[in-house]
PDB file of all heavy atoms in Angstrom:
ATOM      1  N   SER A   1       3.178  -9.795   3.139  1.00  0.00           N
ATOM      2  CA  SER A   1       2.600 -10.845   2.305  1.00  0.00           C
ATOM      3  C   SER A   1       2.551 -10.411   0.841  1.00  0.00           C
ATOM      4  O   SER A   1       2.860 -11.192  -0.061  1.00  0.00           O
ATOM      5  CB  SER A   1       1.194 -11.194   2.798  1.00  0.00           C
ATOM      6  OG  SER A   1       0.594 -12.162   1.968  1.00  0.00           O
ATOM      7  N   ASP A   2       2.175  -9.157   0.604  1.00  0.00           N
ATOM      8  CA  ASP A   2       2.164  -8.632  -0.768  1.00  0.00           C
ATOM      9  C   ASP A   2       3.553  -8.700  -1.383  1.00  0.00           C
ATOM     10  O   ASP A   2       3.709  -9.036  -2.565  1.00  0.00           O
ATOM     11  CB  ASP A   2       1.671  -7.186  -0.791  1.00  0.00           C
ATOM     12  CG  ASP A   2       0.214  -7.045  -0.405  1.00  0.00           C
ATOM     13  OD1 ASP A   2      -0.574  -7.955  -0.730  1.00  0.00           O
ATOM     14  OD2 ASP A   2      -0.134  -6.036   0.242  1.00  0.00           O
ATOM     15  N   MET A   3       4.575  -8.367  -0.588  1.00  0.00           N
ATOM     16  CA  MET A   3       5.951  -8.420  -1.091  1.00  0.00           C
ATOM     17  C   MET A   3       6.343  -9.856  -1.435  1.00  0.00           C
ATOM     18  O   MET A   3       7.011 -10.105  -2.442  1.00  0.00           O
ATOM     19  CB  MET A   3       6.911  -7.845  -0.059  1.00  0.00           C
ATOM     20  CG  MET A   3       6.754  -6.346   0.168  1.00  0.00           C
ATOM     21  SD  MET A   3       7.805  -5.728   1.508  1.00  0.00           S
ATOM     22  CE  MET A   3       9.442  -5.948   0.800  1.00  0.00           C
ATOM     23  N   GLY A   4       5.930 -10.799  -0.594  1.00  0.00           N
ATOM     24  CA  GLY A   4       6.237 -12.201  -0.857  1.00  0.00           C
ATOM     25  C   GLY A   4       5.592 -12.696  -2.138  1.00  0.00           C
ATOM     26  O   GLY A   4       6.189 -13.462  -2.903  1.00  0.00           O
ATOM     27  N   ASN A   5       4.362 -12.236  -2.394  1.00  0.00           N
ATOM     28  CA  ASN A   5       3.662 -12.638  -3.614  1.00  0.00           C
ATOM     29  C   ASN A   5       4.244 -11.961  -4.846  1.00  0.00           C
ATOM     30  O   ASN A   5       4.207 -12.509  -5.944  1.00  0.00           O
ATOM     31  CB  ASN A   5       2.172 -12.275  -3.514  1.00  0.00           C
ATOM     32  CG  ASN A   5       1.479 -13.044  -2.405  1.00  0.00           C
ATOM     33  OD1 ASN A   5       1.910 -14.121  -2.030  1.00  0.00           O
ATOM     34  ND2 ASN A   5       0.410 -12.486  -1.880  1.00  0.00           N
ATOM     35  N   ALA A   6       4.773 -10.753  -4.665  1.00  0.00           N
ATOM     36  CA  ALA A   6       5.174  -9.924  -5.802  1.00  0.00           C
ATOM     37  C   ALA A   6       6.519 -10.313  -6.390  1.00  0.00           C
ATOM     38  O   ALA A   6       6.687 -10.363  -7.605  1.00  0.00           O
ATOM     39  CB  ALA A   6       5.204  -8.456  -5.377  1.00  0.00           C
ATOM     40  N   GLY A   7       7.512 -10.543  -5.555  1.00  0.00           N
ATOM     41  CA  GLY A   7       8.864 -10.734  -6.059  1.00  0.00           C
ATOM     42  C   GLY A   7       9.574  -9.397  -6.179  1.00  0.00           C
ATOM     43  O   GLY A   7       9.515  -8.557  -5.284  1.00  0.00           O
ATOM     44  N   VAL A   8      10.226  -9.154  -7.323  1.00  0.00           N
ATOM     45  CA  VAL A   8      11.052  -7.960  -7.482  1.00  0.00           C
ATOM     46  C   VAL A   8      10.210  -6.685  -7.454  1.00  0.00           C
ATOM     47  O   VAL A   8      10.575  -5.696  -6.815  1.00  0.00           O
ATOM     48  CB  VAL A   8      11.860  -8.021  -8.796  1.00  0.00           C
ATOM     49  CG1 VAL A   8      12.705  -6.755  -8.961  1.00  0.00           C
ATOM     50  CG2 VAL A   8      12.766  -9.251  -8.803  1.00  0.00           C
ATOM     51  N   TYR A   9       9.065  -6.688  -8.141  1.00  0.00           N
ATOM     52  CA  TYR A   9       8.239  -5.485  -8.264  1.00  0.00           C
ATOM     53  C   TYR A   9       6.859  -5.719  -7.653  1.00  0.00           C
ATOM     54  O   TYR A   9       6.238  -6.763  -7.883  1.00  0.00           O
ATOM     55  CB  TYR A   9       8.067  -5.090  -9.723  1.00  0.00           C
ATOM     56  CG  TYR A   9       9.315  -4.535 -10.364  1.00  0.00           C
ATOM     57  CD1 TYR A   9      10.185  -5.362 -11.061  1.00  0.00           C
ATOM     58  CD2 TYR A   9       9.628  -3.183 -10.277  1.00  0.00           C
ATOM     59  CE1 TYR A   9      11.335  -4.861 -11.661  1.00  0.00           C
ATOM     60  CE2 TYR A   9      10.779  -2.666 -10.859  1.00  0.00           C
ATOM     61  CZ  TYR A   9      11.620  -3.510 -11.547  1.00  0.00           C
ATOM     62  OH  TYR A   9      12.761  -3.005 -12.128  1.00  0.00           O
ATOM     63  N   VAL A  10       6.372  -4.731  -6.919  1.00  0.00           N
ATOM     64  CA  VAL A  10       5.021  -4.795  -6.353  1.00  0.00           C
ATOM     65  C   VAL A  10       4.069  -4.050  -7.277  1.00  0.00           C
ATOM     66  O   VAL A  10       4.166  -2.831  -7.444  1.00  0.00           O
ATOM     67  CB  VAL A  10       4.956  -4.159  -4.948  1.00  0.00           C
ATOM     68  CG1 VAL A  10       3.541  -4.276  -4.387  1.00  0.00           C
ATOM     69  CG2 VAL A  10       5.950  -4.824  -4.007  1.00  0.00           C
ATOM     70  N   PHE A  11       3.154  -4.788  -7.888  1.00  0.00           N
ATOM     71  CA  PHE A  11       2.123  -4.191  -8.733  1.00  0.00           C
ATOM     72  C   PHE A  11       0.783  -4.119  -8.009  1.00  0.00           C
ATOM     73  O   PHE A  11       0.026  -3.166  -8.179  1.00  0.00           O
ATOM     74  CB  PHE A  11       1.926  -5.017 -10.012  1.00  0.00           C
ATOM     75  CG  PHE A  11       3.021  -4.858 -11.021  1.00  0.00           C
ATOM     76  CD1 PHE A  11       4.098  -5.731 -11.047  1.00  0.00           C
ATOM     77  CD2 PHE A  11       2.975  -3.839 -11.959  1.00  0.00           C
ATOM     78  CE1 PHE A  11       5.107  -5.597 -11.987  1.00  0.00           C
ATOM     79  CE2 PHE A  11       3.980  -3.689 -12.901  1.00  0.00           C
ATOM     80  CZ  PHE A  11       5.053  -4.567 -12.915  1.00  0.00           C
ATOM     81  N   GLU A  12       0.493  -5.170  -7.229  1.00  0.00           N
ATOM     82  CA  GLU A  12      -0.830  -5.312  -6.626  1.00  0.00           C
ATOM     83  C   GLU A  12      -0.715  -5.474  -5.115  1.00  0.00           C
ATOM     84  O   GLU A  12       0.274  -6.011  -4.608  1.00  0.00           O
ATOM     85  CB  GLU A  12      -1.544  -6.540  -7.205  1.00  0.00           C
ATOM     86  CG  GLU A  12      -1.696  -6.511  -8.710  1.00  0.00           C
ATOM     87  CD  GLU A  12      -2.275  -7.813  -9.249  1.00  0.00           C
ATOM     88  OE1 GLU A  12      -1.682  -8.874  -8.965  1.00  0.00           O
ATOM     89  OE2 GLU A  12      -3.297  -7.757  -9.940  1.00  0.00           O
ATOM     90  N   THR A  13      -1.735  -5.019  -4.416  1.00  0.00           N
ATOM     91  CA  THR A  13      -1.814  -5.212  -2.974  1.00  0.00           C
ATOM     92  C   THR A  13      -3.172  -5.817  -2.628  1.00  0.00           C
ATOM     93  O   THR A  13      -4.154  -5.604  -3.342  1.00  0.00           O
ATOM     94  CB  THR A  13      -1.641  -3.886  -2.216  1.00  0.00           C
ATOM     95  OG1 THR A  13      -2.636  -2.948  -2.666  1.00  0.00           O
ATOM     96  CG2 THR A  13      -0.258  -3.293  -2.463  1.00  0.00           C
ATOM     97  N   SER A  14      -3.212  -6.573  -1.548  1.00  0.00           N
ATOM     98  CA  SER A  14      -4.474  -7.190  -1.143  1.00  0.00           C
ATOM     99  C   SER A  14      -5.443  -6.162  -0.569  1.00  0.00           C
ATOM    100  O   SER A  14      -6.657  -6.386  -0.558  1.00  0.00           O
ATOM    101  CB  SER A  14      -4.213  -8.304  -0.122  1.00  0.00           C
ATOM    102  OG  SER A  14      -3.526  -7.798   1.004  1.00  0.00           O
ATOM    103  N   GLU A  15      -4.913  -5.036  -0.093  1.00  0.00           N
ATOM    104  CA  GLU A  15      -5.761  -3.973   0.443  1.00  0.00           C
ATOM    105  C   GLU A  15      -5.237  -2.611   0.007  1.00  0.00           C
ATOM    106  O   GLU A  15      -4.036  -2.431  -0.200  1.00  0.00           O
ATOM    107  CB  GLU A  15      -5.795  -4.016   1.971  1.00  0.00           C
ATOM    108  CG  GLU A  15      -6.497  -5.213   2.568  1.00  0.00           C
ATOM    109  CD  GLU A  15      -6.478  -5.189   4.083  1.00  0.00           C
ATOM    110  OE1 GLU A  15      -5.405  -5.418   4.649  1.00  0.00           O
ATOM    111  OE2 GLU A  15      -7.533  -4.926   4.679  1.00  0.00           O
ATOM    112  N   ASP A  16      -6.149  -1.665  -0.123  1.00  0.00           N
ATOM    113  CA  ASP A  16      -5.805  -0.261  -0.338  1.00  0.00           C
ATOM    114  C   ASP A  16      -6.278   0.539   0.868  1.00  0.00           C
ATOM    115  O   ASP A  16      -7.092   0.064   1.678  1.00  0.00           O
ATOM    116  CB  ASP A  16      -6.499   0.293  -1.590  1.00  0.00           C
ATOM    117  CG  ASP A  16      -6.023  -0.369  -2.869  1.00  0.00           C
ATOM    118  OD1 ASP A  16      -5.033  -1.121  -2.821  1.00  0.00           O
ATOM    119  OD2 ASP A  16      -6.656  -0.137  -3.913  1.00  0.00           O
ATOM    120  N   LEU A  17      -5.781   1.764   0.978  1.00  0.00           N
ATOM    121  CA  LEU A  17      -6.270   2.701   1.982  1.00  0.00           C
ATOM    122  C   LEU A  17      -7.009   3.835   1.278  1.00  0.00           C
ATOM    123  O   LEU A  17      -6.624   4.261   0.185  1.00  0.00           O
ATOM    124  CB  LEU A  17      -5.119   3.276   2.808  1.00  0.00           C
ATOM    125  CG  LEU A  17      -4.307   2.304   3.659  1.00  0.00           C
ATOM    126  CD1 LEU A  17      -3.234   3.059   4.437  1.00  0.00           C
ATOM    127  CD2 LEU A  17      -5.190   1.517   4.617  1.00  0.00           C
ATOM    128  N   THR A  18      -8.056   4.325   1.911  1.00  0.00           N
ATOM    129  CA  THR A  18      -8.766   5.468   1.345  1.00  0.00           C
ATOM    130  C   THR A  18      -7.882   6.713   1.421  1.00  0.00           C
ATOM    131  O   THR A  18      -6.968   6.799   2.255  1.00  0.00           O
ATOM    132  CB  THR A  18     -10.070   5.739   2.102  1.00  0.00           C
ATOM    133  OG1 THR A  18      -9.759   6.105   3.452  1.00  0.00           O
ATOM    134  CG2 THR A  18     -10.972   4.511   2.112  1.00  0.00           C
ATOM    135  N   GLN A  19      -8.181   7.683   0.574  1.00  0.00           N
ATOM    136  CA  GLN A  19      -7.457   8.951   0.616  1.00  0.00           C
ATOM    137  C   GLN A  19      -7.642   9.624   1.974  1.00  0.00           C
ATOM    138  O   GLN A  19      -6.716  10.275   2.489  1.00  0.00           O
ATOM    139  CB  GLN A  19      -7.950   9.874  -0.500  1.00  0.00           C
ATOM    140  CG  GLN A  19      -7.589   9.415  -1.907  1.00  0.00           C
ATOM    141  CD  GLN A  19      -6.113   9.558  -2.222  1.00  0.00           C
ATOM    142  OE1 GLN A  19      -5.336  10.143  -1.453  1.00  0.00           O
ATOM    143  NE2 GLN A  19      -5.703   9.020  -3.365  1.00  0.00           N
ATOM    144  N   GLU A  20      -8.816   9.426   2.564  1.00  0.00           N
ATOM    145  CA  GLU A  20      -9.090  10.010   3.885  1.00  0.00           C
ATOM    146  C   GLU A  20      -8.182   9.412   4.948  1.00  0.00           C
ATOM    147  O   GLU A  20      -7.680  10.121   5.824  1.00  0.00           O
ATOM    148  CB  GLU A  20     -10.560   9.796   4.268  1.00  0.00           C
ATOM    149  CG  GLU A  20     -11.555  10.572   3.420  1.00  0.00           C
ATOM    150  CD  GLU A  20     -11.815   9.936   2.056  1.00  0.00           C
ATOM    151  OE1 GLU A  20     -11.355   8.785   1.832  1.00  0.00           O
ATOM    152  OE2 GLU A  20     -12.462  10.592   1.216  1.00  0.00           O
ATOM    153  N   ALA A  21      -7.944   8.088   4.858  1.00  0.00           N
ATOM    154  CA  ALA A  21      -7.059   7.423   5.821  1.00  0.00           C
ATOM    155  C   ALA A  21      -5.626   7.922   5.678  1.00  0.00           C
ATOM    156  O   ALA A  21      -4.932   8.159   6.672  1.00  0.00           O
ATOM    157  CB  ALA A  21      -7.107   5.909   5.624  1.00  0.00           C
ATOM    158  N   VAL A  22      -5.197   8.063   4.427  1.00  0.00           N
ATOM    159  CA  VAL A  22      -3.837   8.544   4.168  1.00  0.00           C
ATOM    160  C   VAL A  22      -3.629   9.919   4.783  1.00  0.00           C
ATOM    161  O   VAL A  22      -2.596  10.201   5.404  1.00  0.00           O
ATOM    162  CB  VAL A  22      -3.565   8.577   2.649  1.00  0.00           C
ATOM    163  CG1 VAL A  22      -2.249   9.288   2.352  1.00  0.00           C
ATOM    164  CG2 VAL A  22      -3.534   7.157   2.088  1.00  0.00           C
ATOM    165  N   LYS A  23      -4.636  10.779   4.631  1.00  0.00           N
ATOM    166  CA  LYS A  23      -4.533  12.146   5.161  1.00  0.00           C
ATOM    167  C   LYS A  23      -4.652  12.159   6.678  1.00  0.00           C
ATOM    168  O   LYS A  23      -3.843  12.792   7.371  1.00  0.00           O
ATOM    169  CB  LYS A  23      -5.629  13.016   4.542  1.00  0.00           C
ATOM    170  CG  LYS A  23      -5.557  14.474   4.952  1.00  0.00           C
ATOM    171  CD  LYS A  23      -6.625  15.296   4.245  1.00  0.00           C
ATOM    172  CE  LYS A  23      -6.554  16.762   4.655  1.00  0.00           C
ATOM    173  NZ  LYS A  23      -7.604  17.578   3.973  1.00  0.00           N
ATOM    174  N   LYS A  24      -5.636  11.440   7.220  1.00  0.00           N
ATOM    175  CA  LYS A  24      -5.901  11.463   8.667  1.00  0.00           C
ATOM    176  C   LYS A  24      -4.726  10.912   9.465  1.00  0.00           C
ATOM    177  O   LYS A  24      -4.359  11.453  10.516  1.00  0.00           O
ATOM    178  CB  LYS A  24      -7.161  10.641   8.975  1.00  0.00           C
ATOM    179  CG  LYS A  24      -7.537  10.579  10.456  1.00  0.00           C
ATOM    180  CD  LYS A  24      -8.809   9.768  10.656  1.00  0.00           C
ATOM    181  CE  LYS A  24      -9.168   9.624  12.126  1.00  0.00           C
ATOM    182  NZ  LYS A  24      -9.538  10.912  12.738  1.00  0.00           N
ATOM    183  N   TYR A  25      -4.103   9.829   8.975  1.00  0.00           N
ATOM    184  CA  TYR A  25      -3.029   9.174   9.727  1.00  0.00           C
ATOM    185  C   TYR A  25      -1.641   9.527   9.185  1.00  0.00           C
ATOM    186  O   TYR A  25      -0.646   8.897   9.567  1.00  0.00           O
ATOM    187  CB  TYR A  25      -3.251   7.659   9.739  1.00  0.00           C
ATOM    188  CG  TYR A  25      -4.489   7.298  10.536  1.00  0.00           C
ATOM    189  CD1 TYR A  25      -5.687   7.005   9.890  1.00  0.00           C
ATOM    190  CD2 TYR A  25      -4.466   7.326  11.927  1.00  0.00           C
ATOM    191  CE1 TYR A  25      -6.830   6.712  10.621  1.00  0.00           C
ATOM    192  CE2 TYR A  25      -5.610   7.028  12.654  1.00  0.00           C
ATOM    193  CZ  TYR A  25      -6.780   6.735  12.011  1.00  0.00           C
ATOM    194  OH  TYR A  25      -7.921   6.462  12.736  1.00  0.00           O
ATOM    195  N   ASN A  26      -1.593  10.541   8.317  1.00  0.00           N
ATOM    196  CA  ASN A  26      -0.316  11.047   7.817  1.00  0.00           C
ATOM    197  C   ASN A  26       0.547   9.910   7.263  1.00  0.00           C
ATOM    198  O   ASN A  26       1.734   9.784   7.586  1.00  0.00           O
ATOM    199  CB  ASN A  26       0.426  11.796   8.929  1.00  0.00           C
ATOM    200  CG  ASN A  26       1.582  12.629   8.395  1.00  0.00           C
ATOM    201  OD1 ASN A  26       1.544  13.077   7.243  1.00  0.00           O
ATOM    202  ND2 ASN A  26       2.606  12.815   9.201  1.00  0.00           N
ATOM    203  N   MET A  27      -0.073   9.080   6.428  1.00  0.00           N
ATOM    204  CA  MET A  27       0.637   7.961   5.821  1.00  0.00           C
ATOM    205  C   MET A  27       1.676   8.469   4.838  1.00  0.00           C
ATOM    206  O   MET A  27       1.421   9.412   4.076  1.00  0.00           O
ATOM    207  CB  MET A  27      -0.349   7.045   5.085  1.00  0.00           C
ATOM    208  CG  MET A  27      -1.477   6.493   5.935  1.00  0.00           C
ATOM    209  SD  MET A  27      -0.917   5.299   7.169  1.00  0.00           S
ATOM    210  CE  MET A  27      -0.311   3.985   6.125  1.00  0.00           C
ATOM    211  N   LYS A  28       2.835   7.863   4.831  1.00  0.00           N
ATOM    212  CA  LYS A  28       3.887   8.228   3.886  1.00  0.00           C
ATOM    213  C   LYS A  28       3.617   7.536   2.558  1.00  0.00           C
ATOM    214  O   LYS A  28       3.690   6.306   2.452  1.00  0.00           O
ATOM    215  CB  LYS A  28       5.264   7.824   4.431  1.00  0.00           C
ATOM    216  CG  LYS A  28       6.418   8.228   3.528  1.00  0.00           C
ATOM    217  CD  LYS A  28       6.558   9.732   3.427  1.00  0.00           C
ATOM    218  CE  LYS A  28       7.740  10.134   2.584  1.00  0.00           C
ATOM    219  NZ  LYS A  28       7.858  11.594   2.432  1.00  0.00           N
ATOM    220  N   VAL A  29       3.285   8.302   1.533  1.00  0.00           N
ATOM    221  CA  VAL A  29       3.081   7.758   0.195  1.00  0.00           C
ATOM    222  C   VAL A  29       4.377   7.947  -0.592  1.00  0.00           C
ATOM    223  O   VAL A  29       4.859   9.071  -0.747  1.00  0.00           O
ATOM    224  CB  VAL A  29       1.915   8.456  -0.524  1.00  0.00           C
ATOM    225  CG1 VAL A  29       1.741   7.889  -1.932  1.00  0.00           C
ATOM    226  CG2 VAL A  29       0.626   8.287   0.273  1.00  0.00           C
ATOM    227  N   VAL A  30       4.955   6.844  -1.061  1.00  0.00           N
ATOM    228  CA  VAL A  30       6.250   6.900  -1.737  1.00  0.00           C
ATOM    229  C   VAL A  30       6.066   6.680  -3.237  1.00  0.00           C
ATOM    230  O   VAL A  30       5.120   6.017  -3.665  1.00  0.00           O
ATOM    231  CB  VAL A  30       7.232   5.862  -1.152  1.00  0.00           C
ATOM    232  CG1 VAL A  30       7.511   6.151   0.306  1.00  0.00           C
ATOM    233  CG2 VAL A  30       6.689   4.446  -1.322  1.00  0.00           C
TER     234      VAL A  30
END
């Protein structure tokens, strides 16, 4: 949905993840 709203470039997202979530679930940050 964020991609659909954004178009070519994604600046904003409807939700963020905490740093703890990124670390705990080994999220790929690009």
